[in-house]
Amino acid sequence: MNTNSKTTQEEMKTRLSTLWIFIMFNMAFADIIGFTYPGFMAKLVAGGPIDGIVVTPTLLLIGALLLEIPTVMILLSRLLKHSINRWFNVIAAVITIIYVVGMSTPTVVYWFFCSLEIIASLVIIVLAYKWRFLEA
């Protein structure tokens, strides 16, 4: 067994996991700052449409499931074996990009966070796709 290649595998797992942590925090901060926009909380509590979207329990569940992707990937990036790890990261990053773009609100602050999340997701896709199994 080549110790250097094992270290490389662990380093890649750490990089991917760290990128997912970065994405998760940016999602949380985008939402927290979004709550401070004037009138946002009143609309949310009233159940009224927010940017033309009616907030329902089903919509909240879908949002929760999509937000869980980065959280789960923090753990899975460290635990999964190489080949499945690569594809889980690529697929999860693609879903995350679609979700981030599709659920965005038209504010400069939100788009700032979205751009960081998209860049980090693209880095995950590139790293995971190029990640080769080096252990003998």
N, C-alpha and C. Protein backbone atom coordinates (compact mmCIF):
# COMPACT_ATOMS: atom_id res chain seq x y z
N MET A 1 0.84 -1.18 0.00
CA MET A 1 0.00 0.00 0.00
C MET A 1 0.88 1.24 0.00
N ASN A 2 0.57 2.15 -0.85
CA ASN A 2 1.33 3.39 -0.96
C ASN A 2 0.72 4.44 -0.03
N THR A 3 1.46 4.83 0.97
CA THR A 3 0.97 5.78 1.97
C THR A 3 0.66 7.13 1.35
N ASN A 4 1.48 7.57 0.41
CA ASN A 4 1.25 8.87 -0.22
C ASN A 4 -0.06 8.90 -0.98
N SER A 5 -0.41 7.83 -1.69
CA SER A 5 -1.67 7.83 -2.43
C SER A 5 -2.86 7.80 -1.48
N LYS A 6 -2.72 7.09 -0.36
CA LYS A 6 -3.81 7.08 0.63
C LYS A 6 -4.01 8.49 1.19
N THR A 7 -2.92 9.17 1.46
CA THR A 7 -3.00 10.55 1.94
C THR A 7 -3.69 11.42 0.90
N THR A 8 -3.37 11.21 -0.36
CA THR A 8 -4.00 11.97 -1.43
C THR A 8 -5.50 11.73 -1.46
N GLN A 9 -5.92 10.48 -1.27
CA GLN A 9 -7.35 10.17 -1.24
C GLN A 9 -8.03 10.87 -0.06
N GLU A 10 -7.40 10.84 1.09
CA GLU A 10 -7.96 11.50 2.27
C GLU A 10 -7.98 13.02 2.09
N GLU A 11 -6.95 13.56 1.46
CA GLU A 11 -6.92 15.00 1.21
C GLU A 11 -8.07 15.41 0.28
N MET A 12 -8.34 14.60 -0.74
CA MET A 12 -9.43 14.91 -1.65
C MET A 12 -10.77 14.86 -0.93
N LYS A 13 -10.95 13.86 -0.08
CA LYS A 13 -12.18 13.77 0.70
C LYS A 13 -12.35 15.00 1.58
N THR A 14 -11.26 15.45 2.17
CA THR A 14 -11.29 16.64 3.02
C THR A 14 -11.63 17.88 2.21
N ARG A 15 -11.03 18.02 1.03
CA ARG A 15 -11.32 19.17 0.17
C ARG A 15 -12.80 19.22 -0.21
N LEU A 16 -13.32 18.07 -0.65
CA LEU A 16 -14.72 18.02 -1.05
C LEU A 16 -15.64 18.34 0.13
N SER A 17 -15.36 17.75 1.26
CA SER A 17 -16.16 17.99 2.45
C SER A 17 -16.12 19.46 2.86
N THR A 18 -14.95 20.06 2.77
CA THR A 18 -14.79 21.47 3.13
C THR A 18 -15.57 22.37 2.18
N LEU A 19 -15.57 22.04 0.90
CA LEU A 19 -16.36 22.82 -0.06
C LEU A 19 -17.85 22.73 0.24
N TRP A 20 -18.31 21.55 0.65
CA TRP A 20 -19.72 21.40 1.03
C TRP A 20 -20.05 22.22 2.28
N ILE A 21 -19.11 22.29 3.21
CA ILE A 21 -19.31 23.13 4.40
C ILE A 21 -19.44 24.59 3.97
N PHE A 22 -18.58 25.02 3.06
CA PHE A 22 -18.62 26.39 2.53
C PHE A 22 -19.98 26.68 1.90
N ILE A 23 -20.47 25.76 1.08
CA ILE A 23 -21.77 25.93 0.43
C ILE A 23 -22.88 26.01 1.47
N MET A 24 -22.86 25.12 2.44
CA MET A 24 -23.91 25.09 3.46
C MET A 24 -23.97 26.41 4.23
N PHE A 25 -22.81 26.92 4.64
CA PHE A 25 -22.80 28.18 5.38
C PHE A 25 -23.30 29.33 4.51
N ASN A 26 -22.93 29.36 3.24
CA ASN A 26 -23.41 30.42 2.37
C ASN A 26 -24.92 30.35 2.17
N MET A 27 -25.47 29.14 2.09
CA MET A 27 -26.92 29.01 2.00
C MET A 27 -27.59 29.54 3.26
N ALA A 28 -27.05 29.19 4.40
CA ALA A 28 -27.62 29.64 5.67
C ALA A 28 -27.54 31.17 5.79
N PHE A 29 -26.38 31.73 5.47
CA PHE A 29 -26.22 33.18 5.57
C PHE A 29 -27.12 33.92 4.58
N ALA A 30 -27.29 33.38 3.38
CA ALA A 30 -28.18 34.00 2.40
C ALA A 30 -29.60 34.06 2.95
N ASP A 31 -30.05 32.98 3.56
CA ASP A 31 -31.40 32.96 4.13
C ASP A 31 -31.53 33.88 5.33
N ILE A 32 -30.55 33.86 6.20
CA ILE A 32 -30.59 34.72 7.39
C ILE A 32 -30.64 36.19 6.99
N ILE A 33 -29.79 36.59 6.07
CA ILE A 33 -29.79 37.98 5.63
C ILE A 33 -31.08 38.30 4.87
N GLY A 34 -31.59 37.32 4.12
CA GLY A 34 -32.86 37.51 3.42
C GLY A 34 -34.02 37.80 4.36
N PHE A 35 -33.98 37.23 5.55
CA PHE A 35 -35.04 37.49 6.54
C PHE A 35 -35.06 38.94 7.00
N THR A 36 -33.96 39.66 6.84
CA THR A 36 -33.88 41.04 7.31
C THR A 36 -34.44 42.04 6.32
N TYR A 37 -34.78 41.61 5.11
CA TYR A 37 -35.36 42.54 4.14
C TYR A 37 -36.70 43.03 4.68
N PRO A 38 -36.97 44.33 4.56
CA PRO A 38 -38.22 44.88 5.09
C PRO A 38 -39.44 44.17 4.52
N GLY A 39 -40.31 43.74 5.41
CA GLY A 39 -41.57 43.11 5.02
C GLY A 39 -41.48 41.62 4.75
N PHE A 40 -40.28 41.07 4.66
CA PHE A 40 -40.15 39.65 4.32
C PHE A 40 -40.78 38.76 5.39
N MET A 41 -40.44 38.99 6.65
CA MET A 41 -40.95 38.14 7.73
C MET A 41 -42.47 38.26 7.85
N ALA A 42 -43.01 39.46 7.66
CA ALA A 42 -44.46 39.65 7.73
C ALA A 42 -45.16 38.82 6.65
N LYS A 43 -44.60 38.84 5.43
CA LYS A 43 -45.17 38.04 4.34
C LYS A 43 -45.06 36.54 4.66
N LEU A 44 -43.93 36.14 5.20
CA LEU A 44 -43.70 34.73 5.51
C LEU A 44 -44.68 34.24 6.56
N VAL A 45 -44.84 35.00 7.63
CA VAL A 45 -45.75 34.62 8.72
C VAL A 45 -47.19 34.61 8.24
N ALA A 46 -47.55 35.57 7.39
CA ALA A 46 -48.92 35.66 6.88
C ALA A 46 -49.22 34.57 5.85
N GLY A 47 -48.19 33.88 5.39
CA GLY A 47 -48.40 32.84 4.39
C GLY A 47 -48.66 33.39 3.01
N GLY A 48 -48.45 34.69 2.87
CA GLY A 48 -48.69 35.34 1.58
C GLY A 48 -47.61 35.00 0.58
N PRO A 49 -47.86 35.34 -0.65
CA PRO A 49 -46.83 35.04 -1.65
C PRO A 49 -45.57 35.86 -1.42
N ILE A 50 -44.44 35.20 -1.61
CA ILE A 50 -43.14 35.86 -1.52
C ILE A 50 -42.51 35.73 -2.91
N ASP A 51 -42.32 36.86 -3.54
CA ASP A 51 -41.82 36.88 -4.92
C ASP A 51 -42.70 36.02 -5.82
N GLY A 52 -44.01 36.08 -5.58
CA GLY A 52 -44.97 35.34 -6.39
C GLY A 52 -45.14 33.88 -6.03
N ILE A 53 -44.48 33.41 -4.99
CA ILE A 53 -44.55 32.00 -4.59
C ILE A 53 -45.28 31.89 -3.26
N VAL A 54 -46.33 31.07 -3.22
CA VAL A 54 -47.06 30.83 -1.98
C VAL A 54 -46.29 29.77 -1.18
N VAL A 55 -45.97 30.11 0.05
CA VAL A 55 -45.21 29.20 0.91
C VAL A 55 -46.18 28.22 1.55
N THR A 56 -46.02 26.95 1.21
CA THR A 56 -46.87 25.88 1.75
C THR A 56 -45.99 24.89 2.51
N PRO A 57 -46.61 24.04 3.35
CA PRO A 57 -45.81 23.02 4.03
C PRO A 57 -45.06 22.12 3.04
N THR A 58 -45.66 21.81 1.92
CA THR A 58 -44.99 20.97 0.91
C THR A 58 -43.77 21.69 0.34
N LEU A 59 -43.92 22.97 0.05
CA LEU A 59 -42.79 23.74 -0.47
C LEU A 59 -41.67 23.81 0.56
N LEU A 60 -42.03 23.99 1.83
CA LEU A 60 -41.01 24.02 2.89
C LEU A 60 -40.29 22.68 3.01
N LEU A 61 -41.03 21.58 2.87
CA LEU A 61 -40.40 20.25 2.92
C LEU A 61 -39.44 20.05 1.75
N ILE A 62 -39.86 20.45 0.57
CA ILE A 62 -38.98 20.34 -0.60
C ILE A 62 -37.72 21.17 -0.38
N GLY A 63 -37.89 22.39 0.12
CA GLY A 63 -36.74 23.24 0.42
C GLY A 63 -35.82 22.61 1.44
N ALA A 64 -36.41 22.01 2.48
CA ALA A 64 -35.61 21.37 3.52
C ALA A 64 -34.81 20.20 2.95
N LEU A 65 -35.45 19.40 2.09
CA LEU A 65 -34.76 18.26 1.48
C LEU A 65 -33.60 18.74 0.60
N LEU A 66 -33.82 19.80 -0.16
CA LEU A 66 -32.76 20.32 -1.02
C LEU A 66 -31.63 20.94 -0.20
N LEU A 67 -31.97 21.60 0.90
CA LEU A 67 -30.94 22.16 1.77
C LEU A 67 -30.15 21.08 2.49
N GLU A 68 -30.73 19.91 2.60
CA GLU A 68 -30.06 18.80 3.28
C GLU A 68 -28.93 18.22 2.43
N ILE A 69 -28.96 18.45 1.13
CA ILE A 69 -27.94 17.88 0.24
C ILE A 69 -26.53 18.28 0.67
N PRO A 70 -26.22 19.58 0.86
CA PRO A 70 -24.86 19.92 1.30
C PRO A 70 -24.52 19.33 2.67
N THR A 71 -25.49 19.29 3.56
CA THR A 71 -25.25 18.75 4.90
C THR A 71 -24.87 17.28 4.82
N VAL A 72 -25.61 16.52 4.05
CA VAL A 72 -25.33 15.08 3.90
C VAL A 72 -24.00 14.87 3.18
N MET A 73 -23.71 15.72 2.20
CA MET A 73 -22.48 15.56 1.42
C MET A 73 -21.23 15.86 2.25
N ILE A 74 -21.35 16.68 3.28
CA ILE A 74 -20.21 16.89 4.18
C ILE A 74 -19.76 15.55 4.75
N LEU A 75 -20.71 14.77 5.19
CA LEU A 75 -20.42 13.46 5.78
C LEU A 75 -20.07 12.42 4.71
N LEU A 76 -20.89 12.33 3.66
CA LEU A 76 -20.66 11.30 2.64
C LEU A 76 -19.33 11.49 1.92
N SER A 77 -18.91 12.73 1.72
CA SER A 77 -17.62 12.99 1.06
C SER A 77 -16.46 12.37 1.82
N ARG A 78 -16.62 12.25 3.11
CA ARG A 78 -15.56 11.68 3.94
C ARG A 78 -15.69 10.16 4.11
N LEU A 79 -16.90 9.63 3.96
CA LEU A 79 -17.13 8.22 4.28
C LEU A 79 -17.19 7.28 3.08
N LEU A 80 -17.67 7.77 1.95
CA LEU A 80 -17.89 6.88 0.81
C LEU A 80 -16.58 6.46 0.15
N LYS A 81 -16.63 5.29 -0.46
CA LYS A 81 -15.49 4.80 -1.24
C LYS A 81 -15.33 5.66 -2.49
N HIS A 82 -14.14 5.63 -3.03
CA HIS A 82 -13.73 6.51 -4.13
C HIS A 82 -14.74 6.61 -5.27
N SER A 83 -15.06 5.50 -5.92
CA SER A 83 -15.86 5.58 -7.15
C SER A 83 -17.25 6.14 -6.90
N ILE A 84 -17.91 5.68 -5.88
CA ILE A 84 -19.26 6.20 -5.59
C ILE A 84 -19.19 7.62 -5.05
N ASN A 85 -18.13 7.94 -4.33
CA ASN A 85 -17.92 9.27 -3.79
C ASN A 85 -17.85 10.30 -4.92
N ARG A 86 -17.09 9.97 -5.95
CA ARG A 86 -16.96 10.87 -7.10
C ARG A 86 -18.33 11.20 -7.68
N TRP A 87 -19.12 10.18 -7.95
CA TRP A 87 -20.40 10.40 -8.62
C TRP A 87 -21.43 11.06 -7.71
N PHE A 88 -21.43 10.72 -6.44
CA PHE A 88 -22.32 11.40 -5.49
C PHE A 88 -22.01 12.90 -5.46
N ASN A 89 -20.73 13.25 -5.45
CA ASN A 89 -20.34 14.66 -5.42
C ASN A 89 -20.75 15.38 -6.70
N VAL A 90 -20.53 14.76 -7.84
CA VAL A 90 -20.90 15.39 -9.11
C VAL A 90 -22.42 15.60 -9.18
N ILE A 91 -23.18 14.55 -8.89
CA ILE A 91 -24.65 14.63 -8.97
C ILE A 91 -25.20 15.63 -7.96
N ALA A 92 -24.70 15.58 -6.73
CA ALA A 92 -25.18 16.50 -5.69
C ALA A 92 -24.85 17.95 -6.05
N ALA A 93 -23.68 18.18 -6.62
CA ALA A 93 -23.30 19.55 -7.00
C ALA A 93 -24.18 20.07 -8.14
N VAL A 94 -24.50 19.21 -9.11
CA VAL A 94 -25.38 19.62 -10.21
C VAL A 94 -26.77 19.96 -9.67
N ILE A 95 -27.31 19.11 -8.80
CA ILE A 95 -28.62 19.38 -8.19
C ILE A 95 -28.57 20.68 -7.40
N THR A 96 -27.48 20.90 -6.69
CA THR A 96 -27.34 22.13 -5.89
C THR A 96 -27.33 23.36 -6.78
N ILE A 97 -26.63 23.31 -7.90
CA ILE A 97 -26.60 24.46 -8.82
C ILE A 97 -28.01 24.74 -9.35
N ILE A 98 -28.71 23.69 -9.75
CA ILE A 98 -30.08 23.86 -10.27
C ILE A 98 -30.98 24.47 -9.20
N TYR A 99 -30.86 23.96 -7.98
CA TYR A 99 -31.66 24.47 -6.87
C TYR A 99 -31.33 25.93 -6.57
N VAL A 100 -30.06 26.26 -6.50
CA VAL A 100 -29.63 27.63 -6.16
C VAL A 100 -30.12 28.61 -7.22
N VAL A 101 -29.98 28.27 -8.48
CA VAL A 101 -30.42 29.16 -9.56
C VAL A 101 -31.95 29.23 -9.60
N GLY A 102 -32.61 28.10 -9.45
CA GLY A 102 -34.06 28.05 -9.55
C GLY A 102 -34.80 28.70 -8.40
N MET A 103 -34.22 28.70 -7.23
CA MET A 103 -34.91 29.24 -6.05
C MET A 103 -34.39 30.62 -5.65
N SER A 104 -33.65 31.25 -6.52
CA SER A 104 -33.04 32.53 -6.15
C SER A 104 -34.08 33.65 -6.13
N THR A 105 -33.82 34.63 -5.28
CA THR A 105 -34.65 35.82 -5.21
C THR A 105 -33.88 36.97 -5.85
N PRO A 106 -34.60 37.92 -6.41
CA PRO A 106 -33.93 38.99 -7.17
C PRO A 106 -33.33 40.09 -6.29
N THR A 107 -32.38 39.73 -5.45
CA THR A 107 -31.68 40.74 -4.66
C THR A 107 -30.19 40.60 -4.89
N VAL A 108 -29.49 41.70 -4.79
CA VAL A 108 -28.05 41.70 -5.01
C VAL A 108 -27.34 40.82 -3.99
N VAL A 109 -27.77 40.91 -2.74
CA VAL A 109 -27.13 40.12 -1.68
C VAL A 109 -27.32 38.63 -1.94
N TYR A 110 -28.54 38.23 -2.32
CA TYR A 110 -28.79 36.82 -2.57
C TYR A 110 -27.96 36.33 -3.75
N TRP A 111 -27.86 37.14 -4.80
CA TRP A 111 -27.07 36.73 -5.96
C TRP A 111 -25.58 36.65 -5.63
N PHE A 112 -25.14 37.47 -4.68
CA PHE A 112 -23.75 37.37 -4.22
C PHE A 112 -23.51 35.98 -3.62
N PHE A 113 -24.40 35.57 -2.71
CA PHE A 113 -24.25 34.25 -2.10
C PHE A 113 -24.43 33.14 -3.14
N CYS A 114 -25.38 33.31 -4.04
CA CYS A 114 -25.60 32.31 -5.10
C CYS A 114 -24.35 32.11 -5.95
N SER A 115 -23.69 33.20 -6.30
CA SER A 115 -22.50 33.08 -7.13
C SER A 115 -21.41 32.30 -6.41
N LEU A 116 -21.25 32.53 -5.10
CA LEU A 116 -20.27 31.76 -4.33
C LEU A 116 -20.64 30.28 -4.28
N GLU A 117 -21.93 30.00 -4.07
CA GLU A 117 -22.39 28.61 -4.01
C GLU A 117 -22.19 27.91 -5.36
N ILE A 118 -22.48 28.61 -6.44
CA ILE A 118 -22.31 28.02 -7.77
C ILE A 118 -20.84 27.77 -8.08
N ILE A 119 -19.98 28.73 -7.76
CA ILE A 119 -18.55 28.55 -7.99
C ILE A 119 -18.03 27.35 -7.20
N ALA A 120 -18.40 27.26 -5.93
CA ALA A 120 -17.95 26.12 -5.11
C ALA A 120 -18.49 24.81 -5.66
N SER A 121 -19.73 24.81 -6.13
CA SER A 121 -20.31 23.59 -6.71
C SER A 121 -19.56 23.18 -7.98
N LEU A 122 -19.20 24.16 -8.80
CA LEU A 122 -18.43 23.86 -10.02
C LEU A 122 -17.05 23.31 -9.67
N VAL A 123 -16.43 23.85 -8.64
CA VAL A 123 -15.13 23.33 -8.19
C VAL A 123 -15.29 21.88 -7.73
N ILE A 124 -16.37 21.58 -7.02
CA ILE A 124 -16.64 20.20 -6.59
C ILE A 124 -16.76 19.29 -7.80
N ILE A 125 -17.51 19.73 -8.80
CA ILE A 125 -17.70 18.91 -10.01
C ILE A 125 -16.35 18.63 -10.67
N VAL A 126 -15.54 19.65 -10.84
CA VAL A 126 -14.23 19.48 -11.49
C VAL A 126 -13.33 18.57 -10.67
N LEU A 127 -13.23 18.82 -9.36
CA LEU A 127 -12.37 17.99 -8.51
C LEU A 127 -12.84 16.54 -8.51
N ALA A 128 -14.13 16.33 -8.33
CA ALA A 128 -14.65 14.96 -8.26
C ALA A 128 -14.49 14.25 -9.60
N TYR A 129 -14.74 14.95 -10.69
CA TYR A 129 -14.62 14.33 -12.01
C TYR A 129 -13.18 13.94 -12.32
N LYS A 130 -12.23 14.79 -11.94
CA LYS A 130 -10.82 14.52 -12.22
C LYS A 130 -10.16 13.61 -11.20
N TRP A 131 -10.85 13.34 -10.10
CA TRP A 131 -10.29 12.54 -9.01
C TRP A 131 -10.09 11.11 -9.49
N ARG A 132 -8.88 10.67 -9.47
CA ARG A 132 -8.54 9.30 -9.87
C ARG A 132 -8.12 8.51 -8.66
N PHE A 133 -8.42 7.24 -8.69
CA PHE A 133 -8.05 6.36 -7.58
C PHE A 133 -6.59 6.01 -7.73
N LEU A 134 -5.77 6.39 -6.75
CA LEU A 134 -4.32 6.22 -6.86
C LEU A 134 -3.78 5.05 -6.05
N GLU A 135 -4.60 4.51 -5.14
CA GLU A 135 -4.09 3.44 -4.27
C GLU A 135 -3.82 2.18 -5.06
N ALA A 136 -2.72 1.52 -4.72
CA ALA A 136 -2.37 0.26 -5.40
C ALA A 136 -2.97 -0.91 -4.66
